[in-house]
N, C-alpha and C. Protein backbone atom coordinates (compact mmCIF):
# COMPACT_ATOMS: atom_id res chain seq x y z
N MET A 1 0.84 -1.19 0.00
CA MET A 1 0.00 0.00 0.00
C MET A 1 0.88 1.24 0.00
N THR A 2 0.44 2.24 -0.75
CA THR A 2 1.13 3.52 -0.81
C THR A 2 0.44 4.49 0.13
N PRO A 3 1.18 5.27 0.89
CA PRO A 3 0.54 6.24 1.79
C PRO A 3 -0.32 7.24 1.03
N LEU A 4 -1.43 7.61 1.62
CA LEU A 4 -2.33 8.62 1.07
C LEU A 4 -2.42 9.73 2.11
N PRO A 5 -2.23 10.98 1.71
CA PRO A 5 -2.36 12.07 2.69
C PRO A 5 -3.75 12.04 3.32
N LEU A 6 -3.81 12.16 4.63
CA LEU A 6 -5.08 12.12 5.34
C LEU A 6 -6.03 13.20 4.81
N SER A 7 -5.49 14.31 4.33
CA SER A 7 -6.33 15.38 3.80
C SER A 7 -7.08 14.97 2.54
N ARG A 8 -6.73 13.84 1.94
CA ARG A 8 -7.41 13.34 0.74
C ARG A 8 -8.27 12.11 1.04
N ALA A 9 -8.32 11.67 2.28
CA ALA A 9 -9.06 10.46 2.63
C ALA A 9 -10.55 10.58 2.29
N PHE A 10 -11.11 11.78 2.42
CA PHE A 10 -12.54 11.94 2.13
C PHE A 10 -12.88 11.63 0.68
N THR A 11 -11.92 11.74 -0.23
CA THR A 11 -12.21 11.46 -1.64
C THR A 11 -12.48 9.98 -1.88
N LEU A 12 -12.13 9.14 -0.93
CA LEU A 12 -12.38 7.70 -1.07
C LEU A 12 -13.81 7.31 -0.74
N ILE A 13 -14.45 8.09 0.13
CA ILE A 13 -15.81 7.75 0.55
C ILE A 13 -16.78 8.90 0.33
N GLU A 14 -16.45 9.77 -0.59
CA GLU A 14 -17.33 10.89 -0.92
C GLU A 14 -18.72 10.34 -1.22
N PRO A 15 -19.75 10.89 -0.55
CA PRO A 15 -21.09 10.39 -0.82
C PRO A 15 -21.61 10.88 -2.16
N GLY A 16 -22.78 10.52 -2.46
CA GLY A 16 -23.38 10.96 -3.70
C GLY A 16 -24.82 10.56 -3.68
N PRO A 17 -25.54 10.88 -4.66
CA PRO A 17 -25.14 11.64 -5.82
C PRO A 17 -25.16 13.15 -5.55
N VAL A 18 -24.61 13.89 -6.48
CA VAL A 18 -24.69 15.34 -6.45
C VAL A 18 -26.17 15.71 -6.57
N VAL A 19 -26.60 16.70 -5.79
CA VAL A 19 -27.98 17.18 -5.90
C VAL A 19 -27.99 18.68 -6.13
N LEU A 20 -29.04 19.15 -6.75
CA LEU A 20 -29.31 20.58 -6.85
C LEU A 20 -30.42 20.86 -5.85
N VAL A 21 -30.16 21.73 -4.90
CA VAL A 21 -31.14 22.04 -3.86
C VAL A 21 -31.79 23.37 -4.20
N THR A 22 -33.12 23.35 -4.35
CA THR A 22 -33.81 24.60 -4.61
C THR A 22 -34.46 25.10 -3.33
N THR A 23 -34.51 26.43 -3.24
CA THR A 23 -35.16 27.11 -2.13
C THR A 23 -35.97 28.26 -2.73
N HIS A 24 -36.81 28.87 -1.90
CA HIS A 24 -37.54 30.07 -2.31
C HIS A 24 -37.65 30.96 -1.08
N ASP A 25 -37.13 32.17 -1.17
CA ASP A 25 -37.10 33.07 -0.01
C ASP A 25 -38.35 33.93 0.13
N GLY A 26 -39.37 33.66 -0.69
CA GLY A 26 -40.58 34.47 -0.67
C GLY A 26 -40.60 35.50 -1.78
N THR A 27 -39.42 35.75 -2.35
CA THR A 27 -39.30 36.70 -3.45
C THR A 27 -38.89 36.00 -4.73
N LYS A 28 -37.88 35.13 -4.62
CA LYS A 28 -37.39 34.43 -5.81
C LYS A 28 -36.80 33.08 -5.45
N PRO A 29 -36.81 32.17 -6.42
CA PRO A 29 -36.21 30.86 -6.18
C PRO A 29 -34.70 30.92 -6.37
N ASN A 30 -34.01 29.95 -5.82
CA ASN A 30 -32.57 29.83 -6.00
C ASN A 30 -32.22 28.35 -6.06
N ILE A 31 -31.01 28.09 -6.55
CA ILE A 31 -30.49 26.72 -6.65
C ILE A 31 -29.07 26.70 -6.12
N MET A 32 -28.72 25.69 -5.36
CA MET A 32 -27.32 25.48 -4.97
C MET A 32 -26.96 24.03 -5.24
N THR A 33 -25.70 23.83 -5.62
CA THR A 33 -25.17 22.48 -5.83
C THR A 33 -24.65 21.97 -4.50
N ILE A 34 -25.07 20.77 -4.13
CA ILE A 34 -24.60 20.15 -2.88
C ILE A 34 -24.05 18.76 -3.23
N THR A 35 -22.84 18.50 -2.77
CA THR A 35 -22.22 17.21 -3.05
C THR A 35 -22.16 16.31 -1.81
N TRP A 36 -22.43 16.87 -0.64
CA TRP A 36 -22.38 16.06 0.56
C TRP A 36 -23.80 15.83 1.07
N THR A 37 -24.35 14.67 0.73
CA THR A 37 -25.70 14.29 1.12
C THR A 37 -25.67 12.87 1.64
N MET A 38 -26.74 12.50 2.31
CA MET A 38 -26.87 11.10 2.73
C MET A 38 -28.32 10.75 2.96
N VAL A 39 -28.61 9.47 2.81
CA VAL A 39 -29.91 8.92 3.15
C VAL A 39 -29.84 8.54 4.62
N ARG A 40 -30.88 8.90 5.40
CA ARG A 40 -30.89 8.57 6.82
C ARG A 40 -31.77 7.37 7.13
N GLY A 41 -32.59 6.98 6.18
CA GLY A 41 -33.47 5.85 6.43
C GLY A 41 -34.34 5.56 5.22
N PHE A 42 -35.07 4.46 5.29
CA PHE A 42 -35.93 4.05 4.19
C PHE A 42 -37.20 4.90 4.10
N ASP A 43 -37.41 5.78 5.08
CA ASP A 43 -38.63 6.59 5.12
C ASP A 43 -38.48 7.96 4.46
N ALA A 44 -37.60 8.08 3.49
CA ALA A 44 -37.36 9.34 2.77
C ALA A 44 -36.81 10.41 3.70
N SER A 45 -35.92 10.01 4.61
CA SER A 45 -35.24 10.99 5.45
C SER A 45 -33.80 11.13 4.95
N PHE A 46 -33.36 12.38 4.85
CA PHE A 46 -32.07 12.71 4.24
C PHE A 46 -31.32 13.71 5.10
N ALA A 47 -30.06 13.91 4.76
CA ALA A 47 -29.26 14.95 5.39
C ALA A 47 -28.35 15.55 4.34
N LEU A 48 -28.02 16.82 4.52
CA LEU A 48 -27.04 17.46 3.66
C LEU A 48 -26.21 18.42 4.49
N THR A 49 -25.06 18.76 3.96
CA THR A 49 -24.16 19.68 4.63
C THR A 49 -24.13 20.99 3.87
N THR A 50 -24.42 22.07 4.57
CA THR A 50 -24.32 23.41 4.02
C THR A 50 -24.28 24.39 5.18
N GLY A 51 -24.15 25.67 4.88
CA GLY A 51 -24.08 26.66 5.93
C GLY A 51 -24.20 28.07 5.39
N PRO A 52 -23.88 29.06 6.23
CA PRO A 52 -24.07 30.46 5.86
C PRO A 52 -23.21 30.94 4.68
N TRP A 53 -22.26 30.16 4.26
CA TRP A 53 -21.46 30.53 3.09
C TRP A 53 -22.25 30.39 1.79
N ASN A 54 -23.39 29.68 1.83
CA ASN A 54 -24.26 29.54 0.66
C ASN A 54 -25.41 30.53 0.77
N HIS A 55 -25.69 31.24 -0.32
CA HIS A 55 -26.77 32.23 -0.34
C HIS A 55 -28.12 31.61 0.03
N SER A 56 -28.37 30.38 -0.36
CA SER A 56 -29.65 29.71 -0.08
C SER A 56 -29.86 29.39 1.40
N TRP A 57 -28.81 29.48 2.19
CA TRP A 57 -28.88 29.13 3.60
C TRP A 57 -30.00 29.88 4.32
N GLY A 58 -30.11 31.18 4.08
CA GLY A 58 -31.14 31.99 4.75
C GLY A 58 -32.54 31.49 4.44
N ALA A 59 -32.80 31.24 3.17
CA ALA A 59 -34.13 30.75 2.77
C ALA A 59 -34.40 29.36 3.35
N LEU A 60 -33.39 28.52 3.37
CA LEU A 60 -33.55 27.17 3.92
C LEU A 60 -33.92 27.23 5.40
N ARG A 61 -33.24 28.09 6.15
CA ARG A 61 -33.52 28.25 7.58
C ARG A 61 -34.89 28.87 7.82
N GLU A 62 -35.19 29.94 7.06
CA GLU A 62 -36.42 30.69 7.31
C GLU A 62 -37.68 29.96 6.86
N THR A 63 -37.65 29.30 5.71
CA THR A 63 -38.85 28.65 5.19
C THR A 63 -39.00 27.23 5.70
N GLY A 64 -37.88 26.58 6.01
CA GLY A 64 -37.93 25.20 6.50
C GLY A 64 -38.29 24.20 5.43
N ASP A 65 -38.08 24.57 4.15
CA ASP A 65 -38.33 23.59 3.10
C ASP A 65 -37.37 23.79 1.93
N CYS A 66 -37.31 22.76 1.09
CA CYS A 66 -36.45 22.78 -0.09
C CYS A 66 -36.85 21.63 -0.99
N VAL A 67 -36.22 21.57 -2.16
CA VAL A 67 -36.38 20.45 -3.06
C VAL A 67 -34.99 19.90 -3.36
N LEU A 68 -34.83 18.59 -3.27
CA LEU A 68 -33.61 17.93 -3.71
C LEU A 68 -33.88 17.49 -5.14
N ALA A 69 -33.25 18.17 -6.10
CA ALA A 69 -33.41 17.84 -7.51
C ALA A 69 -32.20 17.01 -7.92
N ILE A 70 -32.45 15.90 -8.60
CA ILE A 70 -31.39 14.96 -8.94
C ILE A 70 -31.01 15.13 -10.41
N PRO A 71 -29.85 15.77 -10.66
CA PRO A 71 -29.40 15.95 -12.04
C PRO A 71 -28.74 14.67 -12.56
N THR A 72 -28.59 14.60 -13.86
CA THR A 72 -27.94 13.45 -14.50
C THR A 72 -26.62 13.89 -15.11
N ALA A 73 -25.85 12.89 -15.54
CA ALA A 73 -24.49 13.14 -16.02
C ALA A 73 -24.45 14.15 -17.18
N ASP A 74 -25.47 14.18 -18.01
CA ASP A 74 -25.48 15.13 -19.12
C ASP A 74 -25.64 16.57 -18.65
N MET A 75 -25.90 16.79 -17.37
CA MET A 75 -26.05 18.12 -16.81
C MET A 75 -24.81 18.59 -16.05
N ILE A 76 -23.69 17.90 -16.21
CA ILE A 76 -22.51 18.20 -15.39
C ILE A 76 -22.06 19.66 -15.47
N ASP A 77 -22.06 20.25 -16.65
CA ASP A 77 -21.60 21.64 -16.76
C ASP A 77 -22.57 22.60 -16.08
N THR A 78 -23.86 22.29 -16.12
CA THR A 78 -24.85 23.09 -15.40
C THR A 78 -24.66 22.95 -13.90
N VAL A 79 -24.44 21.74 -13.44
CA VAL A 79 -24.23 21.47 -12.01
C VAL A 79 -23.02 22.26 -11.49
N VAL A 80 -21.91 22.21 -12.23
CA VAL A 80 -20.70 22.93 -11.82
C VAL A 80 -20.95 24.43 -11.89
N GLY A 81 -21.58 24.89 -12.97
CA GLY A 81 -21.85 26.32 -13.12
C GLY A 81 -22.70 26.88 -12.00
N ILE A 82 -23.73 26.14 -11.60
CA ILE A 82 -24.59 26.57 -10.50
C ILE A 82 -23.78 26.70 -9.22
N GLY A 83 -22.87 25.77 -9.01
CA GLY A 83 -22.04 25.81 -7.80
C GLY A 83 -20.98 26.90 -7.81
N MET A 84 -20.71 27.46 -8.97
CA MET A 84 -19.64 28.46 -9.09
C MET A 84 -20.15 29.90 -9.10
N CYS A 85 -21.47 30.09 -8.97
CA CYS A 85 -21.98 31.46 -8.90
C CYS A 85 -22.94 31.57 -7.72
N SER A 86 -23.31 32.78 -7.36
CA SER A 86 -24.16 33.00 -6.20
C SER A 86 -25.54 33.50 -6.61
N GLY A 87 -26.55 32.98 -5.93
CA GLY A 87 -27.91 33.45 -6.14
C GLY A 87 -28.11 34.86 -5.63
N ALA A 88 -27.14 35.41 -4.91
CA ALA A 88 -27.24 36.80 -4.44
C ALA A 88 -27.27 37.77 -5.62
N ASP A 89 -26.60 37.40 -6.71
CA ASP A 89 -26.55 38.30 -7.86
C ASP A 89 -26.86 37.60 -9.19
N THR A 90 -27.33 36.34 -9.13
CA THR A 90 -27.59 35.58 -10.34
C THR A 90 -28.91 34.84 -10.25
N ASP A 91 -29.74 34.99 -11.28
CA ASP A 91 -30.94 34.17 -11.40
C ASP A 91 -30.47 32.88 -12.07
N LYS A 92 -30.24 31.85 -11.28
CA LYS A 92 -29.65 30.61 -11.81
C LYS A 92 -30.60 29.86 -12.74
N PHE A 93 -31.90 29.95 -12.52
CA PHE A 93 -32.83 29.31 -13.45
C PHE A 93 -32.67 29.92 -14.84
N ALA A 94 -32.63 31.25 -14.90
CA ALA A 94 -32.49 31.93 -16.20
C ALA A 94 -31.11 31.70 -16.80
N ARG A 95 -30.07 31.87 -16.00
CA ARG A 95 -28.71 31.75 -16.53
C ARG A 95 -28.44 30.37 -17.12
N PHE A 96 -28.98 29.32 -16.49
CA PHE A 96 -28.69 27.96 -16.94
C PHE A 96 -29.84 27.32 -17.72
N GLY A 97 -30.85 28.11 -18.05
CA GLY A 97 -31.94 27.62 -18.88
C GLY A 97 -32.74 26.50 -18.24
N LEU A 98 -32.95 26.60 -16.93
CA LEU A 98 -33.69 25.56 -16.21
C LEU A 98 -35.14 26.00 -15.99
N THR A 99 -36.02 25.03 -15.91
CA THR A 99 -37.45 25.29 -15.77
C THR A 99 -37.92 25.06 -14.34
N PRO A 100 -38.32 26.13 -13.64
CA PRO A 100 -38.89 25.92 -12.30
C PRO A 100 -40.33 25.44 -12.44
N LEU A 101 -40.64 24.34 -11.80
CA LEU A 101 -41.99 23.80 -11.81
C LEU A 101 -42.56 23.88 -10.40
N PRO A 102 -43.86 24.12 -10.27
CA PRO A 102 -44.43 24.22 -8.92
C PRO A 102 -44.40 22.87 -8.19
N ALA A 103 -44.01 22.94 -6.94
CA ALA A 103 -44.05 21.76 -6.08
C ALA A 103 -45.46 21.65 -5.50
N HIS A 104 -45.78 20.51 -4.94
CA HIS A 104 -47.11 20.30 -4.37
C HIS A 104 -47.20 20.68 -2.89
N HIS A 105 -46.08 20.55 -2.15
CA HIS A 105 -46.14 20.72 -0.69
C HIS A 105 -45.16 21.73 -0.12
N VAL A 106 -44.24 22.25 -0.92
CA VAL A 106 -43.25 23.20 -0.44
C VAL A 106 -43.20 24.40 -1.38
N ARG A 107 -42.65 25.50 -0.91
CA ARG A 107 -42.55 26.71 -1.71
C ARG A 107 -41.45 26.60 -2.77
N ALA A 108 -40.39 25.89 -2.47
CA ALA A 108 -39.26 25.75 -3.40
C ALA A 108 -39.73 25.02 -4.67
N PRO A 109 -39.20 25.40 -5.84
CA PRO A 109 -39.64 24.76 -7.08
C PRO A 109 -38.89 23.47 -7.39
N LEU A 110 -39.54 22.63 -8.20
CA LEU A 110 -38.88 21.48 -8.81
C LEU A 110 -38.05 22.01 -9.98
N ILE A 111 -37.10 21.22 -10.47
CA ILE A 111 -36.35 21.56 -11.67
C ILE A 111 -36.77 20.59 -12.76
N GLY A 112 -37.41 21.11 -13.79
CA GLY A 112 -37.98 20.29 -14.85
C GLY A 112 -36.99 19.43 -15.59
N GLU A 113 -35.74 19.86 -15.71
CA GLU A 113 -34.74 19.13 -16.46
C GLU A 113 -34.08 18.00 -15.68
N CYS A 114 -34.33 17.91 -14.39
CA CYS A 114 -33.71 16.88 -13.56
C CYS A 114 -34.46 15.55 -13.67
N LEU A 115 -33.74 14.48 -13.38
CA LEU A 115 -34.32 13.14 -13.40
C LEU A 115 -35.43 13.00 -12.37
N ALA A 116 -35.20 13.54 -11.19
CA ALA A 116 -36.15 13.40 -10.10
C ALA A 116 -36.07 14.61 -9.19
N ASN A 117 -37.12 14.82 -8.42
CA ASN A 117 -37.21 15.91 -7.46
C ASN A 117 -37.88 15.37 -6.20
N ILE A 118 -37.32 15.71 -5.05
CA ILE A 118 -37.89 15.28 -3.77
C ILE A 118 -38.20 16.53 -2.95
N GLU A 119 -39.47 16.74 -2.69
CA GLU A 119 -39.89 17.86 -1.85
C GLU A 119 -39.59 17.51 -0.40
N CYS A 120 -38.94 18.44 0.32
CA CYS A 120 -38.51 18.15 1.69
C CYS A 120 -38.86 19.27 2.66
N ARG A 121 -39.07 18.87 3.89
CA ARG A 121 -39.19 19.82 5.00
C ARG A 121 -37.96 19.65 5.89
N VAL A 122 -37.49 20.75 6.42
CA VAL A 122 -36.35 20.71 7.34
C VAL A 122 -36.84 20.20 8.68
N GLU A 123 -36.23 19.12 9.17
CA GLU A 123 -36.57 18.60 10.50
C GLU A 123 -35.75 19.27 11.57
N GLU A 124 -34.47 19.46 11.27
CA GLU A 124 -33.56 20.03 12.26
C GLU A 124 -32.31 20.52 11.55
N ILE A 125 -31.73 21.58 12.10
CA ILE A 125 -30.43 22.06 11.62
C ILE A 125 -29.47 21.95 12.80
N VAL A 126 -28.40 21.19 12.61
CA VAL A 126 -27.38 21.02 13.64
C VAL A 126 -26.25 21.98 13.29
N ASP A 127 -26.30 23.18 13.85
CA ASP A 127 -25.39 24.25 13.47
C ASP A 127 -23.92 23.89 13.62
N ARG A 128 -23.55 23.26 14.71
CA ARG A 128 -22.13 22.99 14.94
C ARG A 128 -21.55 22.00 13.93
N LEU A 129 -22.42 21.25 13.25
CA LEU A 129 -21.98 20.30 12.24
C LEU A 129 -22.32 20.74 10.81
N ASN A 130 -22.98 21.92 10.67
CA ASN A 130 -23.45 22.39 9.36
C ASN A 130 -24.29 21.31 8.68
N LEU A 131 -25.12 20.64 9.46
CA LEU A 131 -25.90 19.50 8.99
C LEU A 131 -27.39 19.86 8.99
N VAL A 132 -28.03 19.61 7.86
CA VAL A 132 -29.46 19.86 7.73
C VAL A 132 -30.16 18.52 7.58
N LEU A 133 -31.06 18.21 8.52
CA LEU A 133 -31.82 16.97 8.47
C LEU A 133 -33.15 17.24 7.78
N LEU A 134 -33.47 16.45 6.79
CA LEU A 134 -34.65 16.66 5.95
C LEU A 134 -35.58 15.46 5.98
N GLN A 135 -36.86 15.72 5.79
CA GLN A 135 -37.85 14.67 5.63
C GLN A 135 -38.56 14.89 4.31
N GLY A 136 -38.51 13.90 3.44
CA GLY A 136 -39.20 13.98 2.18
C GLY A 136 -40.71 13.94 2.39
N VAL A 137 -41.43 14.79 1.63
CA VAL A 137 -42.89 14.82 1.74
C VAL A 137 -43.57 14.48 0.41
N ASP A 138 -42.82 14.49 -0.68
CA ASP A 138 -43.36 14.11 -1.99
C ASP A 138 -42.17 13.89 -2.93
N ALA A 139 -42.36 13.04 -3.92
CA ALA A 139 -41.27 12.76 -4.86
C ALA A 139 -41.83 12.63 -6.27
N HIS A 140 -41.00 13.03 -7.24
CA HIS A 140 -41.40 13.03 -8.65
C HIS A 140 -40.23 12.51 -9.48
N ILE A 141 -40.52 11.74 -10.52
CA ILE A 141 -39.45 11.23 -11.40
C ILE A 141 -39.90 11.34 -12.85
N ASP A 142 -38.94 11.65 -13.72
CA ASP A 142 -39.19 11.71 -15.16
C ASP A 142 -38.87 10.35 -15.74
N ILE A 143 -39.87 9.51 -15.91
CA ILE A 143 -39.65 8.14 -16.38
C ILE A 143 -39.24 8.07 -17.85
N ASP A 144 -39.36 9.20 -18.57
CA ASP A 144 -38.96 9.24 -19.97
C ASP A 144 -37.55 9.79 -20.17
N ARG A 145 -36.88 10.14 -19.09
CA ARG A 145 -35.53 10.72 -19.18
C ARG A 145 -34.58 9.70 -19.79
N LYS A 146 -33.85 10.10 -20.85
CA LYS A 146 -32.94 9.17 -21.53
C LYS A 146 -31.68 8.91 -20.71
N ASP A 147 -31.04 9.97 -20.21
CA ASP A 147 -29.84 9.79 -19.40
C ASP A 147 -30.26 9.67 -17.94
N THR A 148 -29.99 8.54 -17.33
CA THR A 148 -30.35 8.34 -15.92
C THR A 148 -29.11 8.15 -15.04
N ARG A 149 -27.93 8.39 -15.63
CA ARG A 149 -26.69 8.24 -14.85
C ARG A 149 -26.57 9.39 -13.85
N LEU A 150 -26.36 9.06 -12.59
CA LEU A 150 -26.20 10.07 -11.55
C LEU A 150 -24.73 10.48 -11.46
N LEU A 151 -24.52 11.70 -10.98
CA LEU A 151 -23.16 12.23 -10.80
C LEU A 151 -22.72 12.08 -9.35
N HIS A 152 -21.46 11.72 -9.17
CA HIS A 152 -20.87 11.64 -7.84
C HIS A 152 -19.61 12.48 -7.85
N ALA A 153 -19.52 13.42 -6.91
CA ALA A 153 -18.34 14.26 -6.80
C ALA A 153 -17.27 13.51 -6.02
N VAL A 154 -16.07 13.54 -6.53
CA VAL A 154 -14.95 12.91 -5.83
C VAL A 154 -14.43 13.86 -4.75
N GLY A 155 -14.61 15.16 -4.96
CA GLY A 155 -14.19 16.14 -3.98
C GLY A 155 -12.96 16.92 -4.40
N ASP A 156 -12.38 16.55 -5.52
CA ASP A 156 -11.18 17.23 -6.00
C ASP A 156 -11.42 17.90 -7.36
N GLY A 157 -12.69 18.18 -7.66
CA GLY A 157 -13.04 18.78 -8.94
C GLY A 157 -13.34 17.76 -10.03
N THR A 158 -13.27 16.48 -9.70
CA THR A 158 -13.62 15.45 -10.67
C THR A 158 -14.92 14.78 -10.24
N PHE A 159 -15.57 14.15 -11.21
CA PHE A 159 -16.86 13.51 -10.98
C PHE A 159 -16.86 12.13 -11.60
N ILE A 160 -17.70 11.29 -11.07
CA ILE A 160 -17.89 9.94 -11.61
C ILE A 160 -19.38 9.80 -11.92
N ALA A 161 -19.68 9.25 -13.07
CA ALA A 161 -21.07 8.97 -13.42
C ALA A 161 -21.35 7.50 -13.18
N ASP A 162 -22.59 7.22 -12.76
CA ASP A 162 -22.98 5.83 -12.57
C ASP A 162 -22.69 5.02 -13.82
N GLY A 163 -22.31 3.80 -13.61
CA GLY A 163 -22.06 2.92 -14.74
C GLY A 163 -22.91 1.68 -14.61
N GLU A 164 -22.27 0.55 -14.64
CA GLU A 164 -22.98 -0.73 -14.56
C GLU A 164 -23.66 -0.88 -13.21
N ARG A 165 -24.85 -1.43 -13.22
CA ARG A 165 -25.60 -1.66 -11.99
C ARG A 165 -25.56 -3.15 -11.67
N PHE A 166 -25.30 -3.48 -10.42
CA PHE A 166 -25.23 -4.87 -9.97
C PHE A 166 -26.45 -5.15 -9.10
N ASP A 167 -27.28 -6.07 -9.49
CA ASP A 167 -28.51 -6.37 -8.76
C ASP A 167 -28.29 -7.54 -7.81
N ARG A 168 -28.29 -7.25 -6.52
CA ARG A 168 -28.20 -8.27 -5.48
C ARG A 168 -29.41 -8.19 -4.56
N SER A 169 -30.51 -7.66 -5.09
CA SER A 169 -31.70 -7.46 -4.27
C SER A 169 -32.26 -8.77 -3.73
N ALA A 170 -32.19 -9.85 -4.49
CA ALA A 170 -32.70 -11.14 -4.01
C ALA A 170 -31.91 -11.60 -2.79
N ALA A 171 -30.60 -11.44 -2.83
CA ALA A 171 -29.76 -11.87 -1.71
C ALA A 171 -29.95 -10.98 -0.48
N MET A 172 -30.39 -9.74 -0.69
CA MET A 172 -30.54 -8.79 0.41
C MET A 172 -31.99 -8.63 0.86
N ARG A 173 -32.90 -9.42 0.29
CA ARG A 173 -34.33 -9.26 0.54
C ARG A 173 -34.66 -9.16 2.04
N GLY A 174 -34.00 -9.91 2.87
CA GLY A 174 -34.29 -9.91 4.30
C GLY A 174 -33.97 -8.60 4.99
N LYS A 175 -33.15 -7.75 4.40
CA LYS A 175 -32.77 -6.47 5.00
C LYS A 175 -33.49 -5.28 4.37
N LEU A 176 -34.22 -5.53 3.28
CA LEU A 176 -34.88 -4.44 2.54
C LEU A 176 -36.32 -4.29 2.99
N PRO A 177 -36.83 -3.05 2.97
CA PRO A 177 -38.24 -2.87 3.31
C PRO A 177 -39.15 -3.55 2.29
N ALA A 178 -40.32 -3.94 2.73
CA ALA A 178 -41.28 -4.59 1.82
C ALA A 178 -41.62 -3.67 0.67
N GLY A 179 -41.73 -4.23 -0.51
CA GLY A 179 -42.12 -3.46 -1.68
C GLY A 179 -40.99 -2.95 -2.52
N LEU A 180 -39.74 -3.08 -2.07
CA LEU A 180 -38.60 -2.61 -2.87
C LEU A 180 -38.18 -3.66 -3.85
């Protein structure tokens, strides 16, 4: 084994997929790219890491809702572009040609070009960890989307797209919730 600097260890277990998080502050919608997310359970509970350095932080805290929009590999330049500018001075929907669609249960919009959108309510914000705990309240998927490969950020400016899928669901049936 070759030594790896501890400062790069996170690139080995970087979570995924990359998500676009939409918010609405009561005046306008915004989008931020988030690469650190996790599933907390089979009941559509999630977590993400963000904080006051992101313009959307205020809307997320104040409204208590957001949408996790799931982009696909063909959207990589849009995903990076959204993450490289601020909603403080940029209408990201207009700049990147994205379509805001009305959500059913939250103020934040869905993104029409994404594979899927999950409407969420904020359950808790753990400030000292910059951790936002979310509960999904509705979900939508574009079943006609041609590219379904998800993006995973390595953390060093590179990304990996989903490739081959390995189905071991039969072997794992005893650990999976009914209906999966």
